[in-house]
Amino acid sequence: MKTKLGFKYNTGKFILSQIDQLAHKGEEETRGFTKKFAQKWSEERCNESERYRYDRIRYLAQFSSYLCDLGIPSYIPKLPRYPKNTFIPYIYSQKEILALFKASDELRSVKRNMNSCLICMPALIRLLYGTGVRIGEALALKDEDVNLEENYLRVKDSKNGKERIIPISTSLVSVCKEYRNYRDHLPIKDSPGYFFISANGNKCGQGVGSWFKKCLSEAGIHYTGRNHGPRVHDLRHTFAVTSLASMAEAGVDLYASLPILSNYLGHGSIGATNHYVRLTANMYPDLIKEVNMTCLNVFPKYRNYETN
């Protein structure tokens, strides 16, 4: 039902399968969930984040509520307090960005791997930094979504399900054309039509993260570990902060421009974009000192930074 309504629901599918496994292991016989089963499912697990535990219980509560709507008695567990998000994004400096570009250009493979995403890394990193699109949105781009004659991208597979058009600079167009020219000379018979592909023509995927870590190492940027970063997604955060700083430097009213940046980034609301104003204010206090700081309280103060 969820997927037919348009939800990706990948995490939900995985968690529901785990619920099924626990029910099978415990030889549950009731049609709905019992309080005892819900309590067993809700127990804290070793090395589990508060956010993931919250999501586990939430999916059980949603499914149990669905069963009740069908007339099947089922216990609906109470959700724990929503965990606070203390994550602060890493903002790359201009020097670090240039170092990442250089490192991506100098990447080399020590062995033959036709499933490697190496060939697209220089163009991909520049596109992520130059447009602020999410990594998933960039990898989902088809050839017809990248218009290098009229200089724009069409993002269809968005996190919020909102299709949007993103203009791109002439320098980024040149990079994308150079990559496409090289890519089109690969001996690929049946290409799936994605813009960023591996050497064998398949859509780029998990290998991007590994290559990006190598770029960080070569650029002299310390990687602090999984879920701590710096990460590929921080290029998006850097784009947002850099854009706001550039607008402030040009004398543009930031709050008049906030809806434009929000739509450009594909956010569901302006409130999701607003935290970048505070982050920019902290990083460039002299640059945006003209901004009325009272306006920073227009939206609730929270750190709901994107983590994927």
C-alpha atoms as a PDB file:
ATOM      1  CA  MET A   1       0.000   0.000   0.000  1.00  0.00           C
ATOM      2  CA  LYS A   2       2.838   2.376   0.906  1.00  0.00           C
ATOM      3  CA  THR A   3       4.732   1.830  -2.343  1.00  0.00           C
ATOM      4  CA  LYS A   4       1.571   2.176  -4.429  1.00  0.00           C
ATOM      5  CA  LEU A   5       0.971   5.535  -2.753  1.00  0.00           C
ATOM      6  CA  GLY A   6       4.383   6.635  -3.981  1.00  0.00           C
ATOM      7  CA  PHE A   7       6.516   6.074  -0.878  1.00  0.00           C
ATOM      8  CA  LYS A   8       9.933   4.474  -1.385  1.00  0.00           C
ATOM      9  CA  TYR A   9       9.554   2.753   1.982  1.00  0.00           C
ATOM     10  CA  ASN A  10      12.904   0.913   1.755  1.00  0.00           C
ATOM     11  CA  THR A  11      13.635   1.244   5.467  1.00  0.00           C
ATOM     12  CA  GLY A  12      10.058   0.281   6.298  1.00  0.00           C
ATOM     13  CA  LYS A  13      10.311  -2.907   4.252  1.00  0.00           C
ATOM     14  CA  PHE A  14      13.493  -3.925   6.039  1.00  0.00           C
ATOM     15  CA  ILE A  15      12.103  -3.225   9.514  1.00  0.00           C
ATOM     16  CA  LEU A  16       8.827  -5.027   8.766  1.00  0.00           C
ATOM     17  CA  SER A  17      10.840  -8.074   7.664  1.00  0.00           C
ATOM     18  CA  GLN A  18      12.685  -7.978  11.003  1.00  0.00           C
ATOM     19  CA  ILE A  19       9.352  -7.784  12.836  1.00  0.00           C
ATOM     20  CA  ASP A  20       8.238 -10.832  10.888  1.00  0.00           C
ATOM     21  CA  GLN A  21      11.417 -12.709  11.819  1.00  0.00           C
ATOM     22  CA  LEU A  22      10.971 -11.924  15.514  1.00  0.00           C
ATOM     23  CA  ALA A  23       7.328 -13.056  15.392  1.00  0.00           C
ATOM     24  CA  HIS A  24       8.339 -16.298  13.649  1.00  0.00           C
ATOM     25  CA  LYS A  25      11.143 -16.920  16.138  1.00  0.00           C
ATOM     26  CA  GLY A  26       8.795 -16.343  19.081  1.00  0.00           C
ATOM     27  CA  GLU A  27       6.120 -18.568  17.464  1.00  0.00           C
ATOM     28  CA  GLU A  28       3.499 -15.833  17.716  1.00  0.00           C
ATOM     29  CA  GLU A  29      -0.005 -17.083  16.953  1.00  0.00           C
ATOM     30  CA  THR A  30      -2.198 -14.010  17.383  1.00  0.00           C
ATOM     31  CA  ARG A  31      -3.323 -12.080  14.286  1.00  0.00           C
ATOM     32  CA  GLY A  32      -2.396  -8.743  15.835  1.00  0.00           C
ATOM     33  CA  PHE A  33       0.518  -7.743  18.047  1.00  0.00           C
ATOM     34  CA  THR A  34       0.368  -8.385  21.768  1.00  0.00           C
ATOM     35  CA  LYS A  35       1.686  -5.976  24.400  1.00  0.00           C
ATOM     36  CA  LYS A  36       4.357  -8.529  25.320  1.00  0.00           C
ATOM     37  CA  PHE A  37       5.576  -8.738  21.719  1.00  0.00           C
ATOM     38  CA  ALA A  38       5.616  -4.932  21.369  1.00  0.00           C
ATOM     39  CA  GLN A  39       7.663  -4.600  24.549  1.00  0.00           C
ATOM     40  CA  LYS A  40      10.077  -7.256  23.310  1.00  0.00           C
ATOM     41  CA  TRP A  41      10.463  -5.416  19.994  1.00  0.00           C
ATOM     42  CA  SER A  42      10.923  -2.057  21.737  1.00  0.00           C
ATOM     43  CA  GLU A  43      13.831  -3.197  23.934  1.00  0.00           C
ATOM     44  CA  GLU A  44      17.075  -1.274  23.521  1.00  0.00           C
ATOM     45  CA  ARG A  45      19.739  -3.027  21.481  1.00  0.00           C
ATOM     46  CA  CYS A  46      23.491  -2.922  21.791  1.00  0.00           C
ATOM     47  CA  ASN A  47      25.206  -0.281  19.597  1.00  0.00           C
ATOM     48  CA  GLU A  48      21.844   1.036  18.358  1.00  0.00           C
ATOM     49  CA  SER A  49      21.243   4.759  17.993  1.00  0.00           C
ATOM     50  CA  GLU A  50      18.255   6.384  19.679  1.00  0.00           C
ATOM     51  CA  ARG A  51      16.985   7.505  16.272  1.00  0.00           C
ATOM     52  CA  TYR A  52      16.990   3.975  14.808  1.00  0.00           C
ATOM     53  CA  ARG A  53      15.245   2.552  17.879  1.00  0.00           C
ATOM     54  CA  TYR A  54      12.624   5.293  17.560  1.00  0.00           C
ATOM     55  CA  ASP A  55      12.097   4.371  13.885  1.00  0.00           C
ATOM     56  CA  ARG A  56      11.796   0.654  14.735  1.00  0.00           C
ATOM     57  CA  ILE A  57       9.019   1.339  17.244  1.00  0.00           C
ATOM     58  CA  ARG A  58       7.365   3.855  14.917  1.00  0.00           C
ATOM     59  CA  TYR A  59       7.045   1.339  12.072  1.00  0.00           C
ATOM     60  CA  LEU A  60       5.573  -1.251  14.437  1.00  0.00           C
ATOM     61  CA  ALA A  61       3.083   1.327  15.762  1.00  0.00           C
ATOM     62  CA  GLN A  62       2.056   2.327  12.232  1.00  0.00           C
ATOM     63  CA  PHE A  63       1.536  -1.265  11.129  1.00  0.00           C
ATOM     64  CA  SER A  64      -0.337  -2.107  14.330  1.00  0.00           C
ATOM     65  CA  SER A  65      -2.602   0.910  13.784  1.00  0.00           C
ATOM     66  CA  TYR A  66      -3.219  -0.307  10.227  1.00  0.00           C
ATOM     67  CA  LEU A  67      -4.246  -3.734  11.562  1.00  0.00           C
ATOM     68  CA  CYS A  68      -6.687  -2.077  13.976  1.00  0.00           C
ATOM     69  CA  ASP A  69      -8.213  -0.174  11.044  1.00  0.00           C
ATOM     70  CA  LEU A  70      -8.786  -3.545   9.372  1.00  0.00           C
ATOM     71  CA  GLY A  71     -10.650  -4.759  12.463  1.00  0.00           C
ATOM     72  CA  ILE A  72      -7.775  -6.866  13.795  1.00  0.00           C
ATOM     73  CA  PRO A  73      -7.096  -6.131  17.507  1.00  0.00           C
ATOM     74  CA  SER A  74      -3.447  -5.142  17.876  1.00  0.00           C
ATOM     75  CA  TYR A  75      -1.436  -3.395  20.587  1.00  0.00           C
ATOM     76  CA  ILE A  76      -0.054   0.001  19.540  1.00  0.00           C
ATOM     77  CA  PRO A  77       3.170   0.792  21.437  1.00  0.00           C
ATOM     78  CA  LYS A  78       3.780   4.279  22.791  1.00  0.00           C
ATOM     79  CA  LEU A  79       6.581   6.064  20.997  1.00  0.00           C
ATOM     80  CA  PRO A  80       9.581   7.158  23.081  1.00  0.00           C
ATOM     81  CA  ARG A  81      10.636  10.795  23.170  1.00  0.00           C
ATOM     82  CA  TYR A  82      11.951  11.863  19.774  1.00  0.00           C
ATOM     83  CA  PRO A  83      15.752  11.870  20.026  1.00  0.00           C
ATOM     84  CA  LYS A  84      17.538  15.204  19.794  1.00  0.00           C
ATOM     85  CA  ASN A  85      19.626  15.711  16.690  1.00  0.00           C
ATOM     86  CA  THR A  86      23.056  17.041  17.693  1.00  0.00           C
ATOM     87  CA  PHE A  87      24.552  16.648  14.235  1.00  0.00           C
ATOM     88  CA  ILE A  88      26.455  19.646  12.847  1.00  0.00           C
ATOM     89  CA  PRO A  89      27.373  19.491   9.147  1.00  0.00           C
ATOM     90  CA  TYR A  90      30.936  19.867   7.962  1.00  0.00           C
ATOM     91  CA  ILE A  91      31.410  22.941   5.783  1.00  0.00           C
ATOM     92  CA  TYR A  92      34.340  22.653   3.387  1.00  0.00           C
ATOM     93  CA  SER A  93      36.539  25.702   2.974  1.00  0.00           C
ATOM     94  CA  GLN A  94      37.332  27.016  -0.508  1.00  0.00           C
ATOM     95  CA  LYS A  95      40.857  25.639  -0.128  1.00  0.00           C
ATOM     96  CA  GLU A  96      39.496  22.185   0.758  1.00  0.00           C
ATOM     97  CA  ILE A  97      37.091  22.247  -2.198  1.00  0.00           C
ATOM     98  CA  LEU A  98      39.944  22.978  -4.602  1.00  0.00           C
ATOM     99  CA  ALA A  99      41.975  20.189  -2.974  1.00  0.00           C
ATOM    100  CA  LEU A 100      39.052  17.775  -3.455  1.00  0.00           C
ATOM    101  CA  PHE A 101      38.789  18.735  -7.129  1.00  0.00           C
ATOM    102  CA  LYS A 102      42.512  18.130  -7.604  1.00  0.00           C
ATOM    103  CA  ALA A 103      42.378  14.810  -5.736  1.00  0.00           C
ATOM    104  CA  SER A 104      39.425  13.589  -7.838  1.00  0.00           C
ATOM    105  CA  ASP A 105      41.292  14.462 -11.044  1.00  0.00           C
ATOM    106  CA  GLU A 106      44.285  12.419  -9.912  1.00  0.00           C
ATOM    107  CA  LEU A 107      42.403   9.294  -8.816  1.00  0.00           C
ATOM    108  CA  ARG A 108      43.798   6.094 -10.289  1.00  0.00           C
ATOM    109  CA  SER A 109      42.704   2.464  -9.992  1.00  0.00           C
ATOM    110  CA  VAL A 110      45.330  -0.088  -8.950  1.00  0.00           C
ATOM    111  CA  LYS A 111      43.430  -2.949 -10.549  1.00  0.00           C
ATOM    112  CA  ARG A 112      40.915  -3.437 -13.313  1.00  0.00           C
ATOM    113  CA  ASN A 113      37.355  -3.095 -12.073  1.00  0.00           C
ATOM    114  CA  MET A 114      34.663  -2.570 -14.674  1.00  0.00           C
ATOM    115  CA  ASN A 115      32.085  -1.836 -11.974  1.00  0.00           C
ATOM    116  CA  SER A 116      34.120   1.098 -10.657  1.00  0.00           C
ATOM    117  CA  CYS A 117      32.673   4.619 -10.593  1.00  0.00           C
ATOM    118  CA  LEU A 118      36.114   6.170 -10.952  1.00  0.00           C
ATOM    119  CA  ILE A 119      35.447   7.761 -14.351  1.00  0.00           C
ATOM    120  CA  CYS A 120      32.592   9.926 -13.061  1.00  0.00           C
ATOM    121  CA  MET A 121      34.144  11.155  -9.790  1.00  0.00           C
ATOM    122  CA  PRO A 122      35.701  14.449 -11.052  1.00  0.00           C
ATOM    123  CA  ALA A 123      32.441  15.548 -12.700  1.00  0.00           C
ATOM    124  CA  LEU A 124      30.222  14.177  -9.903  1.00  0.00           C
ATOM    125  CA  ILE A 125      32.033  16.012  -7.091  1.00  0.00           C
ATOM    126  CA  ARG A 126      31.936  19.270  -9.033  1.00  0.00           C
ATOM    127  CA  LEU A 127      28.234  18.837  -9.790  1.00  0.00           C
ATOM    128  CA  LEU A 128      27.393  18.144  -6.141  1.00  0.00           C
ATOM    129  CA  TYR A 129      29.279  21.225  -4.989  1.00  0.00           C
ATOM    130  CA  GLY A 130      28.039  23.439  -7.835  1.00  0.00           C
ATOM    131  CA  THR A 131      24.334  22.591  -7.544  1.00  0.00           C
ATOM    132  CA  GLY A 132      23.732  21.356  -3.999  1.00  0.00           C
ATOM    133  CA  VAL A 133      21.736  18.330  -5.187  1.00  0.00           C
ATOM    134  CA  ARG A 134      21.637  15.246  -2.994  1.00  0.00           C
ATOM    135  CA  ILE A 135      23.937  12.380  -3.978  1.00  0.00           C
ATOM    136  CA  GLY A 136      20.920  10.141  -4.651  1.00  0.00           C
ATOM    137  CA  GLU A 137      19.396  12.784  -6.926  1.00  0.00           C
ATOM    138  CA  ALA A 138      22.661  13.166  -8.854  1.00  0.00           C
ATOM    139  CA  LEU A 139      23.093   9.419  -9.405  1.00  0.00           C
ATOM    140  CA  ALA A 140      19.440   9.116 -10.510  1.00  0.00           C
ATOM    141  CA  LEU A 141      19.903  11.666 -13.321  1.00  0.00           C
ATOM    142  CA  LYS A 142      19.209  10.275 -16.777  1.00  0.00           C
ATOM    143  CA  ASP A 143      20.830  11.605 -19.953  1.00  0.00           C
ATOM    144  CA  GLU A 144      17.629  13.427 -20.867  1.00  0.00           C
ATOM    145  CA  ASP A 145      17.660  15.155 -17.457  1.00  0.00           C
ATOM    146  CA  VAL A 146      21.021  16.823 -18.111  1.00  0.00           C
ATOM    147  CA  ASN A 147      20.578  19.571 -20.702  1.00  0.00           C
ATOM    148  CA  LEU A 148      24.048  20.849 -21.565  1.00  0.00           C
ATOM    149  CA  GLU A 149      22.780  23.051 -24.402  1.00  0.00           C
ATOM    150  CA  GLU A 150      20.439  25.157 -22.262  1.00  0.00           C
ATOM    151  CA  ASN A 151      22.445  24.684 -19.044  1.00  0.00           C
ATOM    152  CA  TYR A 152      20.062  23.037 -16.600  1.00  0.00           C
ATOM    153  CA  LEU A 153      19.306  19.795 -14.739  1.00  0.00           C
ATOM    154  CA  ARG A 154      15.881  18.264 -14.220  1.00  0.00           C
ATOM    155  CA  VAL A 155      15.691  16.499 -10.858  1.00  0.00           C
ATOM    156  CA  LYS A 156      12.865  13.957 -10.808  1.00  0.00           C
ATOM    157  CA  ASP A 157      13.804  11.380  -8.163  1.00  0.00           C
ATOM    158  CA  SER A 158      13.701  13.813  -5.236  1.00  0.00           C
ATOM    159  CA  LYS A 159      13.560  13.078  -1.516  1.00  0.00           C
ATOM    160  CA  ASN A 160      10.323  15.046  -1.155  1.00  0.00           C
ATOM    161  CA  GLY A 161       8.901  13.866  -4.469  1.00  0.00           C
ATOM    162  CA  LYS A 162       9.136  17.380  -5.927  1.00  0.00           C
ATOM    163  CA  GLU A 163      10.432  17.707  -9.474  1.00  0.00           C
ATOM    164  CA  ARG A 164      12.574  20.799 -10.014  1.00  0.00           C
ATOM    165  CA  ILE A 165      14.734  22.506 -12.622  1.00  0.00           C
ATOM    166  CA  ILE A 166      18.251  23.559 -11.586  1.00  0.00           C
ATOM    167  CA  PRO A 167      20.299  25.987 -13.702  1.00  0.00           C
ATOM    168  CA  ILE A 168      24.016  25.201 -13.898  1.00  0.00           C
ATOM    169  CA  SER A 169      27.034  27.393 -14.634  1.00  0.00           C
ATOM    170  CA  THR A 170      28.933  27.372 -17.913  1.00  0.00           C
ATOM    171  CA  SER A 171      32.055  26.038 -16.160  1.00  0.00           C
ATOM    172  CA  LEU A 172      30.097  23.073 -14.795  1.00  0.00           C
ATOM    173  CA  VAL A 173      28.575  22.513 -18.237  1.00  0.00           C
ATOM    174  CA  SER A 174      32.104  22.287 -19.668  1.00  0.00           C
ATOM    175  CA  VAL A 175      33.068  19.692 -17.037  1.00  0.00           C
ATOM    176  CA  CYS A 176      29.938  17.625 -17.748  1.00  0.00           C
ATOM    177  CA  LYS A 177      30.538  17.775 -21.499  1.00  0.00           C
ATOM    178  CA  GLU A 178      34.118  16.588 -21.059  1.00  0.00           C
ATOM    179  CA  TYR A 179      32.935  13.692 -18.881  1.00  0.00           C
ATOM    180  CA  ARG A 180      30.130  12.773 -21.305  1.00  0.00           C
ATOM    181  CA  ASN A 181      32.529  12.797 -24.244  1.00  0.00           C
ATOM    182  CA  TYR A 182      34.879  10.429 -22.423  1.00  0.00           C
ATOM    183  CA  ARG A 183      31.985   8.241 -21.242  1.00  0.00           C
ATOM    184  CA  ASP A 184      30.513   7.920 -24.734  1.00  0.00           C
ATOM    185  CA  HIS A 185      33.749   6.378 -25.989  1.00  0.00           C
ATOM    186  CA  LEU A 186      33.391   3.428 -23.609  1.00  0.00           C
ATOM    187  CA  PRO A 187      32.555   0.100 -25.318  1.00  0.00           C
ATOM    188  CA  ILE A 188      29.065  -0.172 -23.807  1.00  0.00           C
ATOM    189  CA  LYS A 189      26.341  -2.002 -25.707  1.00  0.00           C
ATOM    190  CA  ASP A 190      23.210  -1.636 -23.584  1.00  0.00           C
ATOM    191  CA  SER A 191      23.368   1.462 -21.405  1.00  0.00           C
ATOM    192  CA  PRO A 192      20.508   2.038 -18.898  1.00  0.00           C
ATOM    193  CA  GLY A 193      20.578   5.723 -19.818  1.00  0.00           C
ATOM    194  CA  TYR A 194      21.946   7.140 -16.564  1.00  0.00           C
ATOM    195  CA  PHE A 195      24.259  10.139 -16.810  1.00  0.00           C
ATOM    196  CA  PHE A 196      26.746   8.898 -14.216  1.00  0.00           C
ATOM    197  CA  ILE A 197      27.760   5.320 -14.920  1.00  0.00           C
ATOM    198  CA  SER A 198      30.506   2.852 -14.088  1.00  0.00           C
ATOM    199  CA  ALA A 199      32.971   1.530 -16.670  1.00  0.00           C
ATOM    200  CA  ASN A 200      30.612  -1.331 -17.590  1.00  0.00           C
ATOM    201  CA  GLY A 201      27.664   1.017 -18.159  1.00  0.00           C
ATOM    202  CA  ASN A 202      25.772   0.341 -14.927  1.00  0.00           C
ATOM    203  CA  LYS A 203      24.380   3.065 -12.699  1.00  0.00           C
ATOM    204  CA  CYS A 204      26.914   4.314 -10.157  1.00  0.00           C
ATOM    205  CA  GLY A 205      26.219   3.269  -6.590  1.00  0.00           C
ATOM    206  CA  GLN A 206      28.061   2.322  -3.431  1.00  0.00           C
ATOM    207  CA  GLY A 207      31.555   2.755  -4.873  1.00  0.00           C
ATOM    208  CA  VAL A 208      31.190   6.534  -4.788  1.00  0.00           C
ATOM    209  CA  GLY A 209      31.667   6.642  -1.012  1.00  0.00           C
ATOM    210  CA  SER A 210      34.945   4.710  -1.153  1.00  0.00           C
ATOM    211  CA  TRP A 211      36.379   6.928  -3.871  1.00  0.00           C
ATOM    212  CA  PHE A 212      35.296  10.036  -1.982  1.00  0.00           C
ATOM    213  CA  LYS A 213      37.169   8.865   1.131  1.00  0.00           C
ATOM    214  CA  LYS A 214      40.287   8.511  -1.012  1.00  0.00           C
ATOM    215  CA  CYS A 215      39.772  12.073  -2.217  1.00  0.00           C
ATOM    216  CA  LEU A 216      39.505  13.256   1.386  1.00  0.00           C
ATOM    217  CA  SER A 217      42.750  11.482   2.243  1.00  0.00           C
ATOM    218  CA  GLU A 218      44.618  12.904  -0.747  1.00  0.00           C
ATOM    219  CA  ALA A 219      43.230  16.379  -0.018  1.00  0.00           C
ATOM    220  CA  GLY A 220      44.501  16.211   3.565  1.00  0.00           C
ATOM    221  CA  ILE A 221      40.998  16.361   5.073  1.00  0.00           C
ATOM    222  CA  HIS A 222      40.723  14.164   8.164  1.00  0.00           C
ATOM    223  CA  TYR A 223      37.915  11.595   8.003  1.00  0.00           C
ATOM    224  CA  THR A 224      36.534  10.988  11.504  1.00  0.00           C
ATOM    225  CA  GLY A 225      34.584   7.805  10.751  1.00  0.00           C
ATOM    226  CA  ARG A 226      31.210   6.497   9.644  1.00  0.00           C
ATOM    227  CA  ASN A 227      28.261   8.806  10.426  1.00  0.00           C
ATOM    228  CA  HIS A 228      30.674  11.526  11.532  1.00  0.00           C
ATOM    229  CA  GLY A 229      32.167  12.682   8.260  1.00  0.00           C
ATOM    230  CA  PRO A 230      33.181  14.713   6.475  1.00  0.00           C
ATOM    231  CA  ARG A 231      30.791  13.136   3.969  1.00  0.00           C
ATOM    232  CA  VAL A 232      29.724  13.471   0.363  1.00  0.00           C
ATOM    233  CA  HIS A 233      26.447  15.002   1.568  1.00  0.00           C
ATOM    234  CA  ASP A 234      28.360  17.839   3.244  1.00  0.00           C
ATOM    235  CA  LEU A 235      29.009  19.233  -0.234  1.00  0.00           C
ATOM    236  CA  ARG A 236      25.282  20.076  -0.260  1.00  0.00           C
ATOM    237  CA  HIS A 237      25.547  21.854   3.095  1.00  0.00           C
ATOM    238  CA  THR A 238      28.597  23.733   1.826  1.00  0.00           C
ATOM    239  CA  PHE A 239      26.698  24.832  -1.284  1.00  0.00           C
ATOM    240  CA  ALA A 240      23.845  26.223   0.831  1.00  0.00           C
ATOM    241  CA  VAL A 241      26.099  28.154   3.208  1.00  0.00           C
ATOM    242  CA  THR A 242      28.295  29.441   0.364  1.00  0.00           C
ATOM    243  CA  SER A 243      25.193  30.599  -1.549  1.00  0.00           C
ATOM    244  CA  LEU A 244      23.853  32.519   1.437  1.00  0.00           C
ATOM    245  CA  ALA A 245      27.274  34.056   2.103  1.00  0.00           C
ATOM    246  CA  SER A 246      27.539  35.136  -1.545  1.00  0.00           C
ATOM    247  CA  MET A 247      24.072  36.690  -1.451  1.00  0.00           C
ATOM    248  CA  ALA A 248      24.916  38.551   1.754  1.00  0.00           C
ATOM    249  CA  GLU A 249      28.150  39.826   0.243  1.00  0.00           C
ATOM    250  CA  ALA A 250      26.205  41.067  -2.794  1.00  0.00           C
ATOM    251  CA  GLY A 251      23.791  42.934  -0.532  1.00  0.00           C
ATOM    252  CA  VAL A 252      20.809  40.695  -1.251  1.00  0.00           C
ATOM    253  CA  ASP A 253      18.095  40.472   1.396  1.00  0.00           C
ATOM    254  CA  LEU A 254      18.631  36.920   2.669  1.00  0.00           C
ATOM    255  CA  TYR A 255      15.079  36.380   3.852  1.00  0.00           C
ATOM    256  CA  ALA A 256      13.662  37.571   0.548  1.00  0.00           C
ATOM    257  CA  SER A 257      15.919  35.034  -1.180  1.00  0.00           C
ATOM    258  CA  LEU A 258      15.260  32.192   1.259  1.00  0.00           C
ATOM    259  CA  PRO A 259      12.208  30.811  -0.640  1.00  0.00           C
ATOM    260  CA  ILE A 260      14.313  30.707  -3.831  1.00  0.00           C
ATOM    261  CA  LEU A 261      17.125  28.757  -2.152  1.00  0.00           C
ATOM    262  CA  SER A 262      14.568  26.484  -0.477  1.00  0.00           C
ATOM    263  CA  ASN A 263      13.010  25.608  -3.826  1.00  0.00           C
ATOM    264  CA  TYR A 264      16.453  25.220  -5.416  1.00  0.00           C
ATOM    265  CA  LEU A 265      17.504  22.722  -2.729  1.00  0.00           C
ATOM    266  CA  GLY A 266      14.198  20.850  -2.949  1.00  0.00           C
ATOM    267  CA  HIS A 267      13.283  21.369   0.706  1.00  0.00           C
ATOM    268  CA  GLY A 268       9.764  20.625   1.883  1.00  0.00           C
ATOM    269  CA  SER A 269       9.516  23.950   3.725  1.00  0.00           C
ATOM    270  CA  ILE A 270      11.397  27.210   4.246  1.00  0.00           C
ATOM    271  CA  GLY A 271      11.939  26.201   7.856  1.00  0.00           C
ATOM    272  CA  ALA A 272      14.205  23.394   6.660  1.00  0.00           C
ATOM    273  CA  THR A 273      16.342  25.965   4.840  1.00  0.00           C
ATOM    274  CA  ASN A 274      16.376  28.520   7.636  1.00  0.00           C
ATOM    275  CA  HIS A 275      18.972  26.743   9.770  1.00  0.00           C
ATOM    276  CA  TYR A 276      21.537  27.512   7.066  1.00  0.00           C
ATOM    277  CA  VAL A 277      21.055  31.206   7.846  1.00  0.00           C
ATOM    278  CA  ARG A 278      22.080  30.626  11.460  1.00  0.00           C
ATOM    279  CA  LEU A 279      24.968  28.449  10.359  1.00  0.00           C
ATOM    280  CA  THR A 280      26.117  31.151   7.929  1.00  0.00           C
ATOM    281  CA  ALA A 281      25.761  33.771  10.647  1.00  0.00           C
ATOM    282  CA  ASN A 282      28.019  31.715  12.920  1.00  0.00           C
ATOM    283  CA  MET A 283      30.632  31.152  10.212  1.00  0.00           C
ATOM    284  CA  TYR A 284      30.610  34.649   8.693  1.00  0.00           C
ATOM    285  CA  PRO A 285      29.630  37.035  11.538  1.00  0.00           C
ATOM    286  CA  ASP A 286      31.229  40.061   9.874  1.00  0.00           C
ATOM    287  CA  LEU A 287      29.778  39.286   6.459  1.00  0.00           C
ATOM    288  CA  ILE A 288      26.125  39.173   7.456  1.00  0.00           C
ATOM    289  CA  LYS A 289      26.207  41.587  10.381  1.00  0.00           C
ATOM    290  CA  GLU A 290      23.717  43.743   8.459  1.00  0.00           C
ATOM    291  CA  VAL A 291      21.075  41.017   8.746  1.00  0.00           C
ATOM    292  CA  ASN A 292      18.547  41.786  11.434  1.00  0.00           C
ATOM    293  CA  MET A 293      19.332  38.982  13.884  1.00  0.00           C
ATOM    294  CA  THR A 294      15.787  39.216  15.243  1.00  0.00           C
ATOM    295  CA  CYS A 295      14.689  37.544  12.032  1.00  0.00           C
ATOM    296  CA  LEU A 296      16.598  34.417  13.034  1.00  0.00           C
ATOM    297  CA  ASN A 297      13.773  33.668  15.465  1.00  0.00           C
ATOM    298  CA  VAL A 298      11.073  33.653  12.792  1.00  0.00           C
ATOM    299  CA  PHE A 299      11.402  29.874  12.553  1.00  0.00           C
ATOM    300  CA  PRO A 300      11.869  27.397  15.428  1.00  0.00           C
ATOM    301  CA  LYS A 301      15.471  26.833  16.489  1.00  0.00           C
ATOM    302  CA  TYR A 302      16.356  23.238  15.782  1.00  0.00           C
ATOM    303  CA  ARG A 303      19.185  21.340  14.156  1.00  0.00           C
ATOM    304  CA  ASN A 304      17.303  19.174  11.758  1.00  0.00           C
ATOM    305  CA  TYR A 305      20.199  18.868   9.328  1.00  0.00           C
ATOM    306  CA  GLU A 306      19.788  16.332   6.562  1.00  0.00           C
ATOM    307  CA  THR A 307      21.834  13.211   7.170  1.00  0.00           C
ATOM    308  CA  ASN A 308      21.206  11.422   3.855  1.00  0.00           C
END
